[in-house]
């Protein structure tokens, strides 16, 4: 008889939470594609309850915040990822986008663009009721 074969190593144990996190992540991606951001945020929130340090979910959350023009919230997500993994390319890219946005906002405040303030009324305050003396 042939010599017995060594037993195959048992398959790596997969944490069931990982499967759930992946499902939440995929649904969030689908919601993002259709711009259903509230639903995408909910899916990511549920995923992050199971795995609070999941860089993929945190990055996606940051990208969604950027699409919603919430750069401060996006920055928080990307900074969290970079604390977990300083070499994360997606988070670094997100931070670069935020830096560019901040640079543009700063340029607007420095007077490079014309002011859009409404002209001052000659009548005075509170709908012209308390006008300047005649």
Protein backbone atom coordinates (compact mmCIF):
# COMPACT_ATOMS: atom_id res chain seq x y z
CA UNK A 1 0.00 0.00 0.00
CA UNK A 2 1.13 3.59 -0.67
CA UNK A 3 2.34 5.57 2.31
CA UNK A 4 -0.38 7.65 3.95
CA UNK A 5 -0.58 11.24 2.80
CA UNK A 6 -0.05 13.94 5.34
CA UNK A 7 -3.31 15.51 6.38
CA UNK A 8 -4.12 18.74 4.60
CA UNK A 9 -3.95 21.73 6.88
CA UNK A 10 -7.36 22.81 8.10
CA UNK A 11 -8.78 25.82 6.24
CA UNK A 12 -8.10 29.09 7.95
CA UNK A 13 -10.89 29.94 10.31
CA UNK A 14 -12.89 32.80 8.90
CA UNK A 15 -14.40 35.11 11.44
CA UNK A 16 -18.11 35.37 10.63
CA UNK A 17 -17.94 39.06 11.47
CA UNK A 18 -15.63 39.55 8.48
CA UNK A 19 -18.32 38.20 6.16
CA UNK A 20 -20.89 40.58 7.62
CA UNK A 21 -18.51 43.53 7.38
CA UNK A 22 -17.87 42.66 3.72
CA UNK A 23 -21.62 42.52 3.02
CA UNK A 24 -22.16 45.90 4.68
CA UNK A 25 -19.24 47.33 2.70
CA UNK A 26 -20.59 46.06 -0.65
CA UNK A 27 -24.03 47.49 0.05
CA UNK A 28 -22.47 50.83 1.00
CA UNK A 29 -20.56 50.86 -2.31
CA UNK A 30 -23.81 50.21 -4.18
CA UNK A 31 -25.61 52.99 -2.31
CA UNK A 32 -22.74 55.36 -3.03
CA UNK A 33 -23.02 54.65 -6.76
CA UNK A 34 -26.65 55.76 -6.67
CA UNK A 35 -25.84 58.71 -4.38
CA UNK A 36 -27.97 57.31 -1.55
CA UNK A 37 -25.52 58.61 1.01
CA UNK A 38 -27.68 58.21 4.12
CA UNK A 39 -28.09 54.50 3.41
CA UNK A 40 -24.38 54.14 2.62
CA UNK A 41 -23.49 55.79 5.92
CA UNK A 42 -25.83 53.44 7.77
CA UNK A 43 -24.24 50.36 6.18
CA UNK A 44 -20.77 51.60 7.07
CA UNK A 45 -21.85 52.44 10.60
CA UNK A 46 -23.13 48.88 11.02
CA UNK A 47 -19.90 47.47 9.60
CA UNK A 48 -17.79 49.62 11.90
CA UNK A 49 -19.75 48.41 14.93
CA UNK A 50 -18.45 44.93 14.13
CA UNK A 51 -14.94 46.04 13.15
CA UNK A 52 -14.20 49.60 14.35
CA UNK A 53 -10.74 49.65 12.75
CA UNK A 54 -11.67 48.46 9.27
CA UNK A 55 -9.64 50.72 7.00
CA UNK A 56 -11.69 49.93 3.89
CA UNK A 57 -14.90 51.06 5.59
CA UNK A 58 -13.27 54.15 7.08
CA UNK A 59 -11.81 55.13 3.70
CA UNK A 60 -15.15 54.67 1.95
CA UNK A 61 -16.82 56.74 4.63
CA UNK A 62 -14.25 59.49 4.08
CA UNK A 63 -14.81 59.41 0.32
CA UNK A 64 -18.56 59.69 0.79
CA UNK A 65 -18.08 62.66 3.10
CA UNK A 66 -15.93 64.30 0.42
CA UNK A 67 -18.66 63.76 -2.16
CA UNK A 68 -21.05 65.47 0.24
CA UNK A 69 -18.61 68.39 0.62
CA UNK A 70 -18.04 67.58 4.30
CA UNK A 71 -14.26 67.83 4.28
CA UNK A 72 -13.91 68.04 8.07
CA UNK A 73 -15.73 64.75 8.57
CA UNK A 74 -13.76 63.19 5.72
CA UNK A 75 -10.51 64.34 7.29
CA UNK A 76 -11.43 62.65 10.58
CA UNK A 77 -11.97 59.34 8.76
CA UNK A 78 -8.73 59.55 6.78
CA UNK A 79 -6.71 60.53 9.86
CA UNK A 80 -8.12 57.54 11.69
CA UNK A 81 -7.03 55.25 8.86
CA UNK A 82 -3.56 56.78 8.81
CA UNK A 83 -3.18 56.14 12.54
CA UNK A 84 -3.95 52.48 11.89
CA UNK A 85 -1.86 52.26 8.71
CA UNK A 86 0.38 55.25 7.85
CA UNK A 87 1.07 53.81 4.38
CA UNK A 88 -2.59 53.55 3.34
CA UNK A 89 -2.67 55.03 -0.18
CA UNK A 90 -6.41 55.74 -0.21
CA UNK A 91 -6.26 57.74 3.01
CA UNK A 92 -3.18 59.65 1.82
CA UNK A 93 -4.97 60.51 -1.41
CA UNK A 94 -8.04 61.65 0.54
CA UNK A 95 -5.89 63.93 2.68
CA UNK A 96 -4.34 65.43 -0.47
CA UNK A 97 -7.80 66.18 -1.86
CA UNK A 98 -8.75 67.86 1.42
CA UNK A 99 -5.54 69.92 1.37
CA UNK A 100 -6.36 71.11 -2.16
CA UNK A 101 -9.88 72.03 -1.11
CA UNK A 102 -8.56 73.97 1.87
CA UNK A 103 -6.09 75.73 -0.43
CA UNK A 104 -8.90 76.80 -2.75
CA UNK A 105 -11.01 78.01 0.15
CA UNK A 106 -8.05 79.99 1.48
CA UNK A 107 -7.49 81.56 -1.94
CA UNK A 108 -11.12 82.67 -2.03
CA UNK A 109 -10.79 84.32 1.38
CA UNK A 110 -7.59 86.12 0.39
CA UNK A 111 -9.45 88.21 -2.16
CA UNK A 112 -8.47 86.41 -5.34
CA UNK A 113 -12.15 86.21 -6.22
CA UNK A 114 -14.57 89.14 -6.28
CA UNK A 115 -16.69 89.78 -3.23
CA UNK A 116 -20.31 88.75 -3.55
CA UNK A 117 -21.62 90.73 -0.59
CA UNK A 118 -24.85 92.59 -1.32
CA UNK A 119 -24.55 96.37 -1.66
CA UNK A 120 -25.36 98.32 1.49
CA UNK A 121 -28.77 99.86 1.52
CA UNK A 122 -29.03 103.63 2.01
CA UNK A 123 -32.22 103.18 4.03
CA UNK A 124 -30.64 101.82 7.21
CA UNK A 125 -31.41 98.85 9.42
CA UNK A 126 -34.46 96.69 10.07
CA UNK A 127 -36.07 96.83 6.64
CA UNK A 128 -35.53 100.55 6.30
CA UNK A 129 -37.83 101.46 9.21
CA UNK A 130 -35.04 103.05 11.13
CA UNK A 131 -33.41 104.98 8.34
CA UNK A 132 -30.80 107.69 8.65
CA UNK A 133 -32.14 111.01 9.77
CA UNK A 134 -33.57 113.23 7.03
